Every structure is written in C-alpha cells, then in structure tokens.
Amino acid sequence: MNGNSDWLKLIIRCFNSDKIFYSRHARQEMFEEEFGMITDREIYESVCNGEIIETYPDDRPYPSVLLFGKTKTDRPLHTVCSYNSEDDQIIVITVYHPNPERWDDYRRRKK
C-alpha cells in the first residue's frame, strides 16, 4: 500500500463489496462495548466516512491501520483493519468507541 488514501479506498471497496471478515475479538468487542453495542452498520458508516489515524506496517500476518470515523448518528468509532490480498478481503481486527479521556479529538492518544 502506497499511502493512507490507497488504504482507505481499498477498505471502502471491500466494505461495499461485502468482502469483510470480522475476527472473533472484533465480534466480542462489538457486543461488549462499554458505551453500547456496536452494529455492523455503524462500522460501515464510520469506515466510509473515516480517516486513517495510525498505521501498523509491521503487524503480522498483514499490515494494519486504525481508522477513526463517525456514524450517521455522530457516534465516534475506531476500527483496526488489515487486508488479506490472497482473498481480497478486509479483516476487522477490533472496533471500539474511543474513550474521550484517552483521545484528543478521537484522533491522537493523550499522553
């Protein structure tokens, strides 16, 4: 991947083509989220309106990124995704409603 815009286009294309795999951890986080359950639709909305705020090029088995986006109801979400080129599929590793006490504008970790 050459840059964040390439990543974002790829992620949105896979979401629009229903080429998404949710890890067991992601599904558990969606169900147990402290700020309320997260739905597939909310993830889709936040990703399609999102921006990449961190990249993890050394993650294995695939590099990954952290996206920040808001749903149509203005709910902030963070989604960590990787891309499996063999299956042309986005893997949602985890998703959560970021705690405002730990994030500045939901985009930068507070020190």
C-alpha atoms as a PDB file:
ATOM      1  CA  MET A   1       0.000   0.000   0.000  1.00  0.00           C
ATOM      2  CA  ASN A   2       1.468   3.346  -1.021  1.00  0.00           C
ATOM      3  CA  GLY A   3      -0.378   5.628   1.345  1.00  0.00           C
ATOM      4  CA  ASN A   4      -3.373   6.238   3.544  1.00  0.00           C
ATOM      5  CA  SER A   5      -5.635   7.190   0.631  1.00  0.00           C
ATOM      6  CA  ASP A   6      -4.863   3.840  -1.070  1.00  0.00           C
ATOM      7  CA  TRP A   7      -5.662   2.004   2.145  1.00  0.00           C
ATOM      8  CA  LEU A   8      -8.912   3.902   2.599  1.00  0.00           C
ATOM      9  CA  LYS A   9     -10.057   3.267  -0.995  1.00  0.00           C
ATOM     10  CA  LEU A  10      -9.275  -0.431  -0.629  1.00  0.00           C
ATOM     11  CA  ILE A  11     -11.105  -0.706   2.692  1.00  0.00           C
ATOM     12  CA  ILE A  12     -14.195   1.104   1.391  1.00  0.00           C
ATOM     13  CA  ARG A  13     -14.210  -1.027  -1.794  1.00  0.00           C
ATOM     14  CA  CYS A  14     -14.128  -4.217   0.279  1.00  0.00           C
ATOM     15  CA  PHE A  15     -16.861  -2.974   2.603  1.00  0.00           C
ATOM     16  CA  ASN A  16     -19.036  -2.039  -0.394  1.00  0.00           C
ATOM     17  CA  SER A  17     -18.427  -5.490  -1.921  1.00  0.00           C
ATOM     18  CA  ASP A  18     -19.137  -7.301   1.364  1.00  0.00           C
ATOM     19  CA  LYS A  19     -15.581  -8.648   1.439  1.00  0.00           C
ATOM     20  CA  ILE A  20     -15.188  -8.308   5.186  1.00  0.00           C
ATOM     21  CA  PHE A  21     -14.189 -10.800   7.833  1.00  0.00           C
ATOM     22  CA  TYR A  22     -14.748  -9.944  11.491  1.00  0.00           C
ATOM     23  CA  SER A  23     -12.313 -11.560  13.904  1.00  0.00           C
ATOM     24  CA  ARG A  24     -13.741 -13.251  16.968  1.00  0.00           C
ATOM     25  CA  HIS A  25     -12.156 -10.471  19.035  1.00  0.00           C
ATOM     26  CA  ALA A  26     -13.918  -7.789  16.954  1.00  0.00           C
ATOM     27  CA  ARG A  27     -17.310  -9.501  17.369  1.00  0.00           C
ATOM     28  CA  GLN A  28     -16.750  -9.784  21.113  1.00  0.00           C
ATOM     29  CA  GLU A  29     -15.778  -6.102  21.375  1.00  0.00           C
ATOM     30  CA  MET A  30     -18.842  -5.087  19.332  1.00  0.00           C
ATOM     31  CA  PHE A  31     -21.110  -6.988  21.712  1.00  0.00           C
ATOM     32  CA  GLU A  32     -19.428  -5.969  24.967  1.00  0.00           C
ATOM     33  CA  GLU A  33     -18.583  -2.312  24.168  1.00  0.00           C
ATOM     34  CA  GLU A  34     -18.817  -0.212  27.358  1.00  0.00           C
ATOM     35  CA  PHE A  35     -20.537   2.678  25.511  1.00  0.00           C
ATOM     36  CA  GLY A  36     -23.171   0.353  23.997  1.00  0.00           C
ATOM     37  CA  MET A  37     -23.235  -2.444  21.437  1.00  0.00           C
ATOM     38  CA  ILE A  38     -21.726  -1.660  18.011  1.00  0.00           C
ATOM     39  CA  THR A  39     -23.559  -2.867  14.897  1.00  0.00           C
ATOM     40  CA  ASP A  40     -22.165  -3.878  11.500  1.00  0.00           C
ATOM     41  CA  ARG A  41     -24.000  -0.886  10.004  1.00  0.00           C
ATOM     42  CA  GLU A  42     -22.288   1.529  12.404  1.00  0.00           C
ATOM     43  CA  ILE A  43     -18.894   0.140  11.433  1.00  0.00           C
ATOM     44  CA  TYR A  44     -19.744   0.516   7.745  1.00  0.00           C
ATOM     45  CA  GLU A  45     -20.877   4.118   8.246  1.00  0.00           C
ATOM     46  CA  SER A  46     -17.828   5.081  10.287  1.00  0.00           C
ATOM     47  CA  VAL A  47     -15.372   3.433   7.878  1.00  0.00           C
ATOM     48  CA  CYS A  48     -16.945   5.045   4.791  1.00  0.00           C
ATOM     49  CA  ASN A  49     -16.729   8.457   6.493  1.00  0.00           C
ATOM     50  CA  GLY A  50     -13.420   7.718   8.146  1.00  0.00           C
ATOM     51  CA  GLU A  51      -9.783   8.606   8.082  1.00  0.00           C
ATOM     52  CA  ILE A  52      -6.686   6.608   8.877  1.00  0.00           C
ATOM     53  CA  ILE A  53      -5.086   7.939  12.049  1.00  0.00           C
ATOM     54  CA  GLU A  54      -2.395   5.296  12.678  1.00  0.00           C
ATOM     55  CA  THR A  55      -0.623   2.692  10.574  1.00  0.00           C
ATOM     56  CA  TYR A  56       0.988  -0.524  11.747  1.00  0.00           C
ATOM     57  CA  PRO A  57       3.168  -1.688   8.820  1.00  0.00           C
ATOM     58  CA  ASP A  58       4.913  -4.380  10.868  1.00  0.00           C
ATOM     59  CA  ASP A  59       1.745  -6.164  12.028  1.00  0.00           C
ATOM     60  CA  ARG A  60       1.581  -9.834  11.095  1.00  0.00           C
ATOM     61  CA  PRO A  61       0.288 -11.669   9.199  1.00  0.00           C
ATOM     62  CA  TYR A  62      -0.801  -8.443   7.428  1.00  0.00           C
ATOM     63  CA  PRO A  63      -0.054  -4.743   7.965  1.00  0.00           C
ATOM     64  CA  SER A  64      -2.982  -2.909   9.560  1.00  0.00           C
ATOM     65  CA  VAL A  65      -4.406   0.553  10.112  1.00  0.00           C
ATOM     66  CA  LEU A  66      -6.505   2.335  12.719  1.00  0.00           C
ATOM     67  CA  LEU A  67      -9.439   4.261  11.291  1.00  0.00           C
ATOM     68  CA  PHE A  68     -11.473   6.926  13.020  1.00  0.00           C
ATOM     69  CA  GLY A  69     -14.927   7.742  11.726  1.00  0.00           C
ATOM     70  CA  LYS A  70     -18.374   8.718  12.888  1.00  0.00           C
ATOM     71  CA  THR A  71     -21.686   7.042  12.259  1.00  0.00           C
ATOM     72  CA  LYS A  72     -24.731   8.850  10.873  1.00  0.00           C
ATOM     73  CA  THR A  73     -25.801   9.412  14.484  1.00  0.00           C
ATOM     74  CA  ASP A  74     -22.406  11.035  15.186  1.00  0.00           C
ATOM     75  CA  ARG A  75     -21.066   8.118  17.239  1.00  0.00           C
ATOM     76  CA  PRO A  76     -17.247   8.017  17.095  1.00  0.00           C
ATOM     77  CA  LEU A  77     -15.667   4.635  16.336  1.00  0.00           C
ATOM     78  CA  HIS A  78     -12.168   3.285  15.959  1.00  0.00           C
ATOM     79  CA  THR A  79     -11.709   0.283  13.673  1.00  0.00           C
ATOM     80  CA  VAL A  80      -8.461  -1.644  13.223  1.00  0.00           C
ATOM     81  CA  CYS A  81      -8.332  -3.367   9.819  1.00  0.00           C
ATOM     82  CA  SER A  82      -5.879  -5.388   7.804  1.00  0.00           C
ATOM     83  CA  TYR A  83      -6.045  -6.569   4.205  1.00  0.00           C
ATOM     84  CA  ASN A  84      -5.708 -10.155   3.034  1.00  0.00           C
ATOM     85  CA  SER A  85      -4.697  -9.794  -0.625  1.00  0.00           C
ATOM     86  CA  GLU A  86      -4.962 -13.540  -1.234  1.00  0.00           C
ATOM     87  CA  ASP A  87      -8.710 -13.452  -0.516  1.00  0.00           C
ATOM     88  CA  ASP A  88      -9.190  -9.760  -1.441  1.00  0.00           C
ATOM     89  CA  GLN A  89     -10.755  -9.258   1.955  1.00  0.00           C
ATOM     90  CA  ILE A  90     -10.624  -6.737   4.779  1.00  0.00           C
ATOM     91  CA  ILE A  91     -10.185  -8.229   8.229  1.00  0.00           C
ATOM     92  CA  VAL A  92     -11.718  -6.228  11.063  1.00  0.00           C
ATOM     93  CA  ILE A  93      -9.375  -6.957  13.945  1.00  0.00           C
ATOM     94  CA  THR A  94     -11.141  -4.858  16.547  1.00  0.00           C
ATOM     95  CA  VAL A  95     -13.585  -2.000  16.840  1.00  0.00           C
ATOM     96  CA  TYR A  96     -14.462   0.224  19.771  1.00  0.00           C
ATOM     97  CA  HIS A  97     -15.984   3.509  20.822  1.00  0.00           C
ATOM     98  CA  PRO A  98     -12.879   5.520  21.815  1.00  0.00           C
ATOM     99  CA  ASN A  99     -12.841   6.821  25.352  1.00  0.00           C
ATOM    100  CA  PRO A 100     -12.626  10.654  25.201  1.00  0.00           C
ATOM    101  CA  GLU A 101     -10.453  10.597  28.324  1.00  0.00           C
ATOM    102  CA  ARG A 102      -7.748   8.760  26.347  1.00  0.00           C
ATOM    103  CA  TRP A 103      -8.007  10.516  22.961  1.00  0.00           C
ATOM    104  CA  ASP A 104      -7.694  14.140  21.798  1.00  0.00           C
ATOM    105  CA  ASP A 105     -10.461  14.737  19.261  1.00  0.00           C
ATOM    106  CA  TYR A 106     -10.565  10.924  18.906  1.00  0.00           C
ATOM    107  CA  ARG A 107      -7.519  11.206  16.623  1.00  0.00           C
ATOM    108  CA  ARG A 108      -4.462  11.399  18.901  1.00  0.00           C
ATOM    109  CA  ARG A 109      -3.680   9.438  22.009  1.00  0.00           C
ATOM    110  CA  LYS A 110      -3.456  11.611  25.116  1.00  0.00           C
ATOM    111  CA  LYS A 111      -0.106  11.477  26.845  1.00  0.00           C
END
